[in-house]
Amino acid sequence: MKHKIIKLLILFIPLILITGCNEEKKEDAFLVKYQNVDITPGNIFDSNTISLSVEKSEVPDCAFSDTGTALVYTYEDLEITTDNNNKIYSVYYISPNISTKEGLSLGDKEEKIIDLYGKDYKKDSNEYKYIKNGITLSIIVNNNTIKSIEYLKEG
């Protein structure tokens, strides 16, 4: 009996290890950070937590039916759009000097998208969309080069 258990262990342990090594580690939500500050869409934004110069503007936006305007905070590397209560609606990358948590930057090649984010996307023409926990990551490609990266809060 002891030998049967040992044989079974010898057979199944490598199988379990191989299966565990092939599992993709998937996260259930995007995390967006800038200057070590969490700026994930849906969170409340405090511009005082980022110690860089910022240009703040108020722009018309029909996405915000209560006021019809959005607040846009423009930093050197990205723009953060909020409603009037400072709830983050979108984060738009404007510089290749920063990358997503996963390592994607403006100017990277299209192949890197699937390498970093996998095949669970929706594609419309030249736009890849990944959706996790109510946040859409929109990546626009032109001539095999990433031209736009934006995180958007759904609804």
Protein backbone atom coordinates (compact mmCIF):
# COMPACT_ATOMS: atom_id res chain seq x y z
CA MET A 1 0.00 0.00 0.00
CA LYS A 2 2.83 2.38 0.89
CA HIS A 3 4.45 1.78 -2.51
CA LYS A 4 1.16 2.57 -4.34
CA ILE A 5 0.88 5.92 -2.57
CA ILE A 6 4.48 6.78 -3.43
CA LYS A 7 3.92 5.84 -7.09
CA LEU A 8 0.78 7.97 -7.24
CA LEU A 9 2.62 10.90 -5.72
CA ILE A 10 5.45 10.48 -8.22
CA LEU A 11 2.93 10.53 -11.07
CA PHE A 12 0.71 13.39 -9.90
CA ILE A 13 3.14 15.89 -8.36
CA PRO A 14 4.82 16.72 -11.72
CA LEU A 15 1.38 17.02 -13.33
CA ILE A 16 0.23 19.46 -10.64
CA LEU A 17 3.44 21.49 -10.94
CA ILE A 18 3.20 21.67 -14.74
CA THR A 19 -0.44 22.72 -14.61
CA GLY A 20 0.32 25.41 -12.02
CA CYS A 21 3.15 26.81 -14.10
CA ASN A 22 0.97 27.19 -17.17
CA GLU A 23 -1.83 29.10 -15.48
CA GLU A 24 -2.04 32.72 -16.50
CA LYS A 25 -2.13 35.08 -13.59
CA LYS A 26 -5.09 37.36 -14.27
CA GLU A 27 -6.04 40.40 -12.28
CA ASP A 28 -9.65 41.39 -11.93
CA ALA A 29 -9.09 45.16 -12.15
CA PHE A 30 -6.75 47.71 -13.66
CA LEU A 31 -4.56 49.77 -11.34
CA VAL A 32 -3.41 53.13 -12.68
CA LYS A 33 -0.70 55.03 -10.83
CA TYR A 34 1.18 58.24 -11.52
CA GLN A 35 3.90 59.59 -9.22
CA ASN A 36 2.94 56.78 -6.78
CA VAL A 37 -0.65 58.10 -6.58
CA ASP A 38 -3.58 55.81 -7.41
CA ILE A 39 -5.46 57.49 -10.27
CA THR A 40 -7.61 54.54 -11.28
CA PRO A 41 -10.88 55.66 -12.90
CA GLY A 42 -13.74 55.57 -10.41
CA ASN A 43 -11.57 56.83 -7.53
CA ILE A 44 -11.68 60.34 -6.11
CA PHE A 45 -8.79 62.51 -7.30
CA ASP A 46 -6.93 65.05 -5.20
CA SER A 47 -4.59 67.08 -7.40
CA ASN A 48 -2.57 68.07 -4.33
CA THR A 49 -1.24 64.50 -4.03
CA ILE A 50 0.83 64.88 -7.22
CA SER A 51 3.67 67.32 -6.70
CA LEU A 52 4.09 68.36 -10.33
CA SER A 53 2.84 71.42 -12.13
CA VAL A 54 -0.67 70.96 -13.44
CA GLU A 55 -2.96 72.86 -15.74
CA LYS A 56 -6.58 72.60 -14.63
CA SER A 57 -9.40 73.40 -17.03
CA GLU A 58 -13.14 73.04 -17.17
CA VAL A 59 -14.48 71.67 -20.45
CA PRO A 60 -17.96 70.89 -21.77
CA ASP A 61 -18.67 67.17 -21.58
CA CYS A 62 -22.05 65.57 -22.15
CA ALA A 63 -20.92 62.49 -20.16
CA PHE A 64 -21.68 64.48 -17.02
CA SER A 65 -25.37 65.22 -17.26
CA ASP A 66 -25.60 66.92 -13.86
CA THR A 67 -23.30 69.81 -14.82
CA GLY A 68 -22.39 69.24 -18.46
CA THR A 69 -18.74 69.97 -17.67
CA ALA A 70 -15.67 67.99 -16.75
CA LEU A 71 -12.46 68.98 -14.97
CA VAL A 72 -9.27 68.15 -16.85
CA TYR A 73 -5.93 68.04 -15.03
CA THR A 74 -3.08 68.12 -17.56
CA TYR A 75 0.35 67.01 -16.40
CA GLU A 76 3.50 66.57 -18.47
CA ASP A 77 2.76 62.90 -19.16
CA LEU A 78 -1.01 62.45 -18.90
CA GLU A 79 -4.44 64.00 -18.56
CA ILE A 80 -6.90 63.10 -15.81
CA THR A 81 -10.57 63.89 -16.41
CA THR A 82 -12.96 64.05 -13.46
CA ASP A 83 -16.51 65.08 -12.78
CA ASN A 84 -17.18 68.12 -10.57
CA ASN A 85 -16.90 65.90 -7.49
CA ASN A 86 -13.38 64.88 -8.59
CA LYS A 87 -14.37 61.30 -9.36
CA ILE A 88 -11.94 60.13 -12.03
CA TYR A 89 -13.61 59.40 -15.36
CA SER A 90 -10.56 58.87 -17.59
CA VAL A 91 -6.77 58.83 -17.66
CA TYR A 92 -5.21 59.63 -21.05
CA TYR A 93 -1.50 59.14 -21.73
CA ILE A 94 0.11 62.01 -23.68
CA SER A 95 3.79 61.09 -23.38
CA PRO A 96 5.94 58.03 -24.12
CA ASN A 97 7.88 58.78 -20.91
CA ILE A 98 5.44 56.77 -18.78
CA SER A 99 4.04 53.29 -19.11
CA THR A 100 1.08 51.34 -17.81
CA LYS A 101 1.59 49.12 -14.77
CA GLU A 102 2.05 46.24 -17.19
CA GLY A 103 4.74 48.10 -19.17
CA LEU A 104 2.97 49.54 -22.25
CA SER A 105 3.96 52.98 -23.56
CA LEU A 106 3.06 55.22 -26.46
CA GLY A 107 5.31 54.33 -29.39
CA ASP A 108 5.53 50.62 -28.53
CA LYS A 109 4.80 48.05 -31.22
CA GLU A 110 1.33 46.50 -31.57
CA GLU A 111 2.57 42.99 -30.73
CA LYS A 112 3.37 44.11 -27.20
CA ILE A 113 -0.34 44.64 -26.45
CA ILE A 114 -1.22 40.95 -26.57
CA ASP A 115 2.06 39.98 -24.91
CA LEU A 116 1.14 42.14 -21.90
CA TYR A 117 -2.66 41.96 -21.78
CA GLY A 118 -3.55 38.68 -23.48
CA LYS A 119 -6.15 37.76 -26.07
CA ASP A 120 -9.30 38.68 -24.15
CA TYR A 121 -9.98 41.96 -25.99
CA LYS A 122 -12.51 43.54 -28.32
CA LYS A 123 -11.11 45.02 -31.50
CA ASP A 124 -12.77 47.68 -33.58
CA SER A 125 -10.68 48.75 -36.56
CA ASN A 126 -7.43 49.97 -34.97
CA GLU A 127 -8.63 50.02 -31.33
CA TYR A 128 -8.06 47.29 -28.75
CA LYS A 129 -10.39 47.32 -25.72
CA TYR A 130 -9.76 45.41 -22.52
CA ILE A 131 -12.47 45.59 -19.86
CA LYS A 132 -11.94 44.74 -16.19
CA ASN A 133 -14.19 45.54 -13.26
CA GLY A 134 -15.98 48.43 -14.99
CA ILE A 135 -12.85 50.03 -16.44
CA THR A 136 -11.99 49.98 -20.15
CA LEU A 137 -8.40 50.16 -21.32
CA SER A 138 -8.50 51.58 -24.85
CA ILE A 139 -5.37 51.28 -27.00
CA ILE A 140 -5.27 52.78 -30.49
CA VAL A 141 -2.71 51.60 -33.03
CA ASN A 142 -1.62 53.14 -36.32
CA ASN A 143 1.01 51.56 -38.59
CA ASN A 144 1.80 48.87 -35.98
CA THR A 145 2.63 51.58 -33.39
CA ILE A 146 0.69 52.48 -30.24
CA LYS A 147 -0.66 56.02 -30.63
CA SER A 148 -3.15 56.27 -27.76
CA ILE A 149 -3.61 54.73 -24.30
CA GLU A 150 -6.64 55.64 -22.20
CA TYR A 151 -8.40 54.17 -19.17
CA LEU A 152 -12.14 54.95 -18.95
CA LYS A 153 -14.69 54.33 -16.22
CA GLU A 154 -17.80 52.64 -17.60
CA GLY A 155 -21.21 54.14 -16.82
